[in-house]
């Protein structure tokens, strides 16, 4: 079960669909189908339970998410997109959160690099890593950034398609949706 902490979120988007209580399955199913139909390379989508901490997860505080990941580019693997739809009163809260989550190995390298002697002698010289690569956002080259932006934009557009489809079915106007994300990518 993935643990997602708020400090790992680097971009996000959300909308509240009035009167759509009980329609989360429509959003999950349609979004997954739209991503599959977009036939994008190296992207995996799976439905998973997510918790905000280990203790919360053990105590049963979990929510369903579609987890979208890039499976090939090693610099993009830590970027995971968590798509959620949940009832909020009579409404449906739909959102996505792009996180940057280091793997255990990346966390270990980051920890070791923080130790003065090991960081200077072992990490920087033997592995060739600079301190800038160990910050929350990796050293993305031009193509990596382009790939990240299109990977997130595609998933965002597929979620918007699912939201629009549901709103039209409910005789609501999807043109009033704020489509821009709030974060470092500013997807719209």
C-alpha atoms as a PDB file:
ATOM      1  CA  UNK A   1       0.000   0.000   0.000  1.00  0.00           C
ATOM      2  CA  UNK A   2       1.567   3.316  -1.047  1.00  0.00           C
ATOM      3  CA  UNK A   3       2.055   5.962   1.618  1.00  0.00           C
ATOM      4  CA  UNK A   4       1.693   9.502   0.252  1.00  0.00           C
ATOM      5  CA  UNK A   5       2.717  12.483   2.364  1.00  0.00           C
ATOM      6  CA  UNK A   6       1.603  16.010   1.549  1.00  0.00           C
ATOM      7  CA  UNK A   7       5.208  17.211   1.201  1.00  0.00           C
ATOM      8  CA  UNK A   8       5.666  14.764  -1.692  1.00  0.00           C
ATOM      9  CA  UNK A   9       2.970  16.498  -3.781  1.00  0.00           C
ATOM     10  CA  UNK A  10       4.499  18.738  -6.474  1.00  0.00           C
ATOM     11  CA  UNK A  11       1.377  19.456  -8.572  1.00  0.00           C
ATOM     12  CA  UNK A  12      -2.366  18.890  -8.180  1.00  0.00           C
ATOM     13  CA  UNK A  13      -5.799  19.525  -9.648  1.00  0.00           C
ATOM     14  CA  UNK A  14      -9.364  19.063  -8.365  1.00  0.00           C
ATOM     15  CA  UNK A  15     -13.036  19.643  -9.118  1.00  0.00           C
ATOM     16  CA  UNK A  16     -16.258  19.104  -7.143  1.00  0.00           C
ATOM     17  CA  UNK A  17     -19.109  17.647  -9.200  1.00  0.00           C
ATOM     18  CA  UNK A  18     -22.438  18.573  -7.663  1.00  0.00           C
ATOM     19  CA  UNK A  19     -24.933  15.776  -7.065  1.00  0.00           C
ATOM     20  CA  UNK A  20     -22.582  13.046  -8.302  1.00  0.00           C
ATOM     21  CA  UNK A  21     -22.424  11.039  -5.083  1.00  0.00           C
ATOM     22  CA  UNK A  22     -21.843   7.345  -5.786  1.00  0.00           C
ATOM     23  CA  UNK A  23     -20.242   7.919  -9.216  1.00  0.00           C
ATOM     24  CA  UNK A  24     -16.568   7.394  -8.275  1.00  0.00           C
ATOM     25  CA  UNK A  25     -16.529   4.106 -10.195  1.00  0.00           C
ATOM     26  CA  UNK A  26     -17.467   5.963 -13.381  1.00  0.00           C
ATOM     27  CA  UNK A  27     -14.480   8.286 -12.967  1.00  0.00           C
ATOM     28  CA  UNK A  28     -12.038   5.468 -12.167  1.00  0.00           C
ATOM     29  CA  UNK A  29     -13.261   3.226 -14.988  1.00  0.00           C
ATOM     30  CA  UNK A  30     -13.493   5.902 -17.672  1.00  0.00           C
ATOM     31  CA  UNK A  31     -10.163   7.506 -16.766  1.00  0.00           C
ATOM     32  CA  UNK A  32      -8.381   4.147 -16.904  1.00  0.00           C
ATOM     33  CA  UNK A  33     -10.045   3.341 -20.226  1.00  0.00           C
ATOM     34  CA  UNK A  34      -9.166   6.740 -21.717  1.00  0.00           C
ATOM     35  CA  UNK A  35      -5.521   6.347 -20.636  1.00  0.00           C
ATOM     36  CA  UNK A  36      -5.429   2.835 -22.135  1.00  0.00           C
ATOM     37  CA  UNK A  37      -6.993   4.089 -25.386  1.00  0.00           C
ATOM     38  CA  UNK A  38      -4.437   6.897 -25.646  1.00  0.00           C
ATOM     39  CA  UNK A  39      -1.907   4.109 -26.254  1.00  0.00           C
ATOM     40  CA  UNK A  40       0.936   6.000 -24.582  1.00  0.00           C
ATOM     41  CA  UNK A  41       4.219   4.116 -24.168  1.00  0.00           C
ATOM     42  CA  UNK A  42       5.699   3.113 -20.829  1.00  0.00           C
ATOM     43  CA  UNK A  43       2.759   4.177 -18.639  1.00  0.00           C
ATOM     44  CA  UNK A  44       1.118   1.883 -16.098  1.00  0.00           C
ATOM     45  CA  UNK A  45      -2.268   2.446 -14.422  1.00  0.00           C
ATOM     46  CA  UNK A  46      -3.474   0.452 -11.440  1.00  0.00           C
ATOM     47  CA  UNK A  47      -6.122   0.943  -8.767  1.00  0.00           C
ATOM     48  CA  UNK A  48      -4.646   0.875  -5.255  1.00  0.00           C
ATOM     49  CA  UNK A  49      -5.480   1.752  -1.690  1.00  0.00           C
ATOM     50  CA  UNK A  50      -3.378   4.683  -0.437  1.00  0.00           C
ATOM     51  CA  UNK A  51      -2.751   5.984   3.094  1.00  0.00           C
ATOM     52  CA  UNK A  52      -1.244   9.265   4.383  1.00  0.00           C
ATOM     53  CA  UNK A  53       1.040   7.430   6.850  1.00  0.00           C
ATOM     54  CA  UNK A  54       1.923   3.904   7.934  1.00  0.00           C
ATOM     55  CA  UNK A  55       0.020   4.256  11.213  1.00  0.00           C
ATOM     56  CA  UNK A  56      -3.070   5.656   9.481  1.00  0.00           C
ATOM     57  CA  UNK A  57      -2.952   2.797   6.996  1.00  0.00           C
ATOM     58  CA  UNK A  58      -2.737   0.239   9.805  1.00  0.00           C
ATOM     59  CA  UNK A  59      -5.707   1.894  11.524  1.00  0.00           C
ATOM     60  CA  UNK A  60      -7.766   1.650   8.344  1.00  0.00           C
ATOM     61  CA  UNK A  61      -7.503   5.198   6.970  1.00  0.00           C
ATOM     62  CA  UNK A  62      -7.176   4.464   3.256  1.00  0.00           C
ATOM     63  CA  UNK A  63      -8.677   5.709   0.007  1.00  0.00           C
ATOM     64  CA  UNK A  64      -8.910   4.249  -3.486  1.00  0.00           C
ATOM     65  CA  UNK A  65      -6.727   5.861  -6.155  1.00  0.00           C
ATOM     66  CA  UNK A  66      -5.681   5.181  -9.698  1.00  0.00           C
ATOM     67  CA  UNK A  67      -1.885   5.238  -9.588  1.00  0.00           C
ATOM     68  CA  UNK A  68      -0.281   6.285 -12.880  1.00  0.00           C
ATOM     69  CA  UNK A  69       3.453   5.715 -13.314  1.00  0.00           C
ATOM     70  CA  UNK A  70       6.074   5.945 -16.028  1.00  0.00           C
ATOM     71  CA  UNK A  71       7.722   2.538 -16.187  1.00  0.00           C
ATOM     72  CA  UNK A  72      10.774   3.140 -18.382  1.00  0.00           C
ATOM     73  CA  UNK A  73      12.542   6.452 -17.780  1.00  0.00           C
ATOM     74  CA  UNK A  74      14.467   6.089 -14.491  1.00  0.00           C
ATOM     75  CA  UNK A  75      14.334   9.839 -13.843  1.00  0.00           C
ATOM     76  CA  UNK A  76      10.535   9.827 -14.198  1.00  0.00           C
ATOM     77  CA  UNK A  77       9.837   6.696 -12.120  1.00  0.00           C
ATOM     78  CA  UNK A  78       9.737   8.691  -8.839  1.00  0.00           C
ATOM     79  CA  UNK A  79       6.965  10.874 -10.325  1.00  0.00           C
ATOM     80  CA  UNK A  80       3.665   9.138  -9.637  1.00  0.00           C
ATOM     81  CA  UNK A  81       0.212  10.499 -10.304  1.00  0.00           C
ATOM     82  CA  UNK A  82      -2.549   9.627  -7.832  1.00  0.00           C
ATOM     83  CA  UNK A  83      -6.088  10.074  -9.200  1.00  0.00           C
ATOM     84  CA  UNK A  84      -8.972  10.025  -6.718  1.00  0.00           C
ATOM     85  CA  UNK A  85     -12.746  10.256  -6.817  1.00  0.00           C
ATOM     86  CA  UNK A  86     -14.709  10.156  -3.568  1.00  0.00           C
ATOM     87  CA  UNK A  87     -18.084  11.118  -2.230  1.00  0.00           C
ATOM     88  CA  UNK A  88     -18.262  14.418  -0.403  1.00  0.00           C
ATOM     89  CA  UNK A  89     -21.813  14.770   0.858  1.00  0.00           C
ATOM     90  CA  UNK A  90     -24.098  14.668  -2.184  1.00  0.00           C
ATOM     91  CA  UNK A  91     -21.157  15.605  -4.402  1.00  0.00           C
ATOM     92  CA  UNK A  92     -18.127  13.904  -5.908  1.00  0.00           C
ATOM     93  CA  UNK A  93     -14.644  15.214  -5.178  1.00  0.00           C
ATOM     94  CA  UNK A  94     -12.344  14.385  -8.118  1.00  0.00           C
ATOM     95  CA  UNK A  95      -8.631  15.157  -7.940  1.00  0.00           C
ATOM     96  CA  UNK A  96      -5.144  14.186  -8.938  1.00  0.00           C
ATOM     97  CA  UNK A  97      -1.851  14.687  -7.147  1.00  0.00           C
ATOM     98  CA  UNK A  98       1.536  14.384  -8.802  1.00  0.00           C
ATOM     99  CA  UNK A  99       4.086  13.218  -6.273  1.00  0.00           C
ATOM    100  CA  UNK A 100       7.814  12.868  -6.273  1.00  0.00           C
ATOM    101  CA  UNK A 101       8.596   9.802  -4.165  1.00  0.00           C
ATOM    102  CA  UNK A 102      12.129   8.416  -3.957  1.00  0.00           C
ATOM    103  CA  UNK A 103      12.657   4.657  -3.962  1.00  0.00           C
ATOM    104  CA  UNK A 104      14.388   3.036  -0.988  1.00  0.00           C
ATOM    105  CA  UNK A 105      17.691   2.979  -2.904  1.00  0.00           C
ATOM    106  CA  UNK A 106      17.402   6.659  -3.807  1.00  0.00           C
ATOM    107  CA  UNK A 107      16.611   7.517  -0.182  1.00  0.00           C
ATOM    108  CA  UNK A 108      19.656   5.526   0.949  1.00  0.00           C
ATOM    109  CA  UNK A 109      21.937   7.333  -1.516  1.00  0.00           C
ATOM    110  CA  UNK A 110      20.464  10.657  -0.414  1.00  0.00           C
ATOM    111  CA  UNK A 111      21.068   9.756   3.251  1.00  0.00           C
ATOM    112  CA  UNK A 112      24.625   8.596   2.587  1.00  0.00           C
ATOM    113  CA  UNK A 113      25.363  11.722   0.565  1.00  0.00           C
ATOM    114  CA  UNK A 114      24.335  13.796   3.581  1.00  0.00           C
ATOM    115  CA  UNK A 115      27.080  12.185   5.682  1.00  0.00           C
ATOM    116  CA  UNK A 116      30.172  14.379   5.215  1.00  0.00           C
ATOM    117  CA  UNK A 117      32.886  11.760   4.704  1.00  0.00           C
ATOM    118  CA  UNK A 118      30.807   9.183   2.820  1.00  0.00           C
ATOM    119  CA  UNK A 119      29.038  11.832   0.794  1.00  0.00           C
ATOM    120  CA  UNK A 120      32.275  13.387  -0.359  1.00  0.00           C
ATOM    121  CA  UNK A 121      34.306  10.239  -0.955  1.00  0.00           C
ATOM    122  CA  UNK A 122      31.884   7.523  -1.972  1.00  0.00           C
ATOM    123  CA  UNK A 123      28.743   9.007  -3.458  1.00  0.00           C
ATOM    124  CA  UNK A 124      30.129  11.920  -5.431  1.00  0.00           C
ATOM    125  CA  UNK A 125      33.280  10.250  -6.763  1.00  0.00           C
ATOM    126  CA  UNK A 126      32.314   6.609  -7.206  1.00  0.00           C
ATOM    127  CA  UNK A 127      28.711   7.011  -8.318  1.00  0.00           C
ATOM    128  CA  UNK A 128      29.199  10.327 -10.048  1.00  0.00           C
ATOM    129  CA  UNK A 129      26.170  11.941  -8.371  1.00  0.00           C
ATOM    130  CA  UNK A 130      26.156  15.616  -7.584  1.00  0.00           C
ATOM    131  CA  UNK A 131      24.262  17.093  -4.677  1.00  0.00           C
ATOM    132  CA  UNK A 132      21.810  18.715  -7.100  1.00  0.00           C
ATOM    133  CA  UNK A 133      20.588  15.295  -8.219  1.00  0.00           C
ATOM    134  CA  UNK A 134      19.615  14.453  -4.646  1.00  0.00           C
ATOM    135  CA  UNK A 135      17.109  17.258  -4.153  1.00  0.00           C
ATOM    136  CA  UNK A 136      13.356  16.649  -4.431  1.00  0.00           C
ATOM    137  CA  UNK A 137      13.356  17.130  -8.209  1.00  0.00           C
ATOM    138  CA  UNK A 138      16.032  15.259 -10.145  1.00  0.00           C
ATOM    139  CA  UNK A 139      18.282  16.781 -12.724  1.00  0.00           C
ATOM    140  CA  UNK A 140      15.864  16.491 -15.662  1.00  0.00           C
ATOM    141  CA  UNK A 141      17.255  17.178 -19.079  1.00  0.00           C
ATOM    142  CA  UNK A 142      15.167  18.841 -21.778  1.00  0.00           C
ATOM    143  CA  UNK A 143      13.735  15.533 -23.073  1.00  0.00           C
ATOM    144  CA  UNK A 144      12.982  14.207 -19.564  1.00  0.00           C
ATOM    145  CA  UNK A 145      11.064  17.365 -18.717  1.00  0.00           C
ATOM    146  CA  UNK A 146       9.187  17.131 -22.018  1.00  0.00           C
ATOM    147  CA  UNK A 147       8.331  13.470 -21.280  1.00  0.00           C
ATOM    148  CA  UNK A 148       7.178  14.314 -17.733  1.00  0.00           C
ATOM    149  CA  UNK A 149       4.983  17.155 -18.969  1.00  0.00           C
ATOM    150  CA  UNK A 150       3.303  15.027 -21.676  1.00  0.00           C
ATOM    151  CA  UNK A 151       2.865  12.034 -19.333  1.00  0.00           C
ATOM    152  CA  UNK A 152       1.061  14.190 -16.750  1.00  0.00           C
ATOM    153  CA  UNK A 153      -0.858  16.196 -19.369  1.00  0.00           C
ATOM    154  CA  UNK A 154      -2.147  13.013 -21.011  1.00  0.00           C
ATOM    155  CA  UNK A 155      -3.414  11.590 -17.698  1.00  0.00           C
ATOM    156  CA  UNK A 156      -4.934  15.003 -16.845  1.00  0.00           C
ATOM    157  CA  UNK A 157      -6.759  15.164 -20.200  1.00  0.00           C
ATOM    158  CA  UNK A 158      -8.056  11.595 -19.743  1.00  0.00           C
ATOM    159  CA  UNK A 159      -9.383  12.455 -16.272  1.00  0.00           C
ATOM    160  CA  UNK A 160     -10.990  15.616 -17.681  1.00  0.00           C
ATOM    161  CA  UNK A 161     -12.684  13.474 -20.377  1.00  0.00           C
ATOM    162  CA  UNK A 162     -14.109  11.228 -17.655  1.00  0.00           C
ATOM    163  CA  UNK A 163     -15.294  14.246 -15.628  1.00  0.00           C
ATOM    164  CA  UNK A 164     -16.855  15.870 -18.709  1.00  0.00           C
ATOM    165  CA  UNK A 165     -18.605  12.620 -19.653  1.00  0.00           C
ATOM    166  CA  UNK A 166     -20.106  12.297 -16.164  1.00  0.00           C
ATOM    167  CA  UNK A 167     -21.155  15.958 -16.059  1.00  0.00           C
ATOM    168  CA  UNK A 168     -22.864  15.712 -19.466  1.00  0.00           C
ATOM    169  CA  UNK A 169     -24.701  12.570 -18.320  1.00  0.00           C
ATOM    170  CA  UNK A 170     -25.897  14.612 -15.320  1.00  0.00           C
ATOM    171  CA  UNK A 171     -26.933  17.570 -17.525  1.00  0.00           C
ATOM    172  CA  UNK A 172     -24.195  19.816 -16.120  1.00  0.00           C
ATOM    173  CA  UNK A 173     -21.987  22.254 -18.041  1.00  0.00           C
ATOM    174  CA  UNK A 174     -18.347  21.037 -18.091  1.00  0.00           C
ATOM    175  CA  UNK A 175     -17.115  24.274 -19.694  1.00  0.00           C
ATOM    176  CA  UNK A 176     -17.023  25.890 -16.245  1.00  0.00           C
ATOM    177  CA  UNK A 177     -14.313  23.514 -14.956  1.00  0.00           C
ATOM    178  CA  UNK A 178     -11.029  25.162 -13.967  1.00  0.00           C
ATOM    179  CA  UNK A 179      -8.613  22.995 -15.965  1.00  0.00           C
ATOM    180  CA  UNK A 180      -5.270  24.361 -14.726  1.00  0.00           C
ATOM    181  CA  UNK A 181      -3.242  22.458 -12.158  1.00  0.00           C
ATOM    182  CA  UNK A 182      -1.646  24.101  -9.146  1.00  0.00           C
ATOM    183  CA  UNK A 183       2.032  23.241  -9.041  1.00  0.00           C
ATOM    184  CA  UNK A 184       5.342  23.430 -10.824  1.00  0.00           C
ATOM    185  CA  UNK A 185       4.031  22.050 -14.148  1.00  0.00           C
ATOM    186  CA  UNK A 186       0.879  24.202 -14.395  1.00  0.00           C
ATOM    187  CA  UNK A 187      -0.933  21.696 -16.642  1.00  0.00           C
ATOM    188  CA  UNK A 188      -4.102  22.901 -18.372  1.00  0.00           C
END
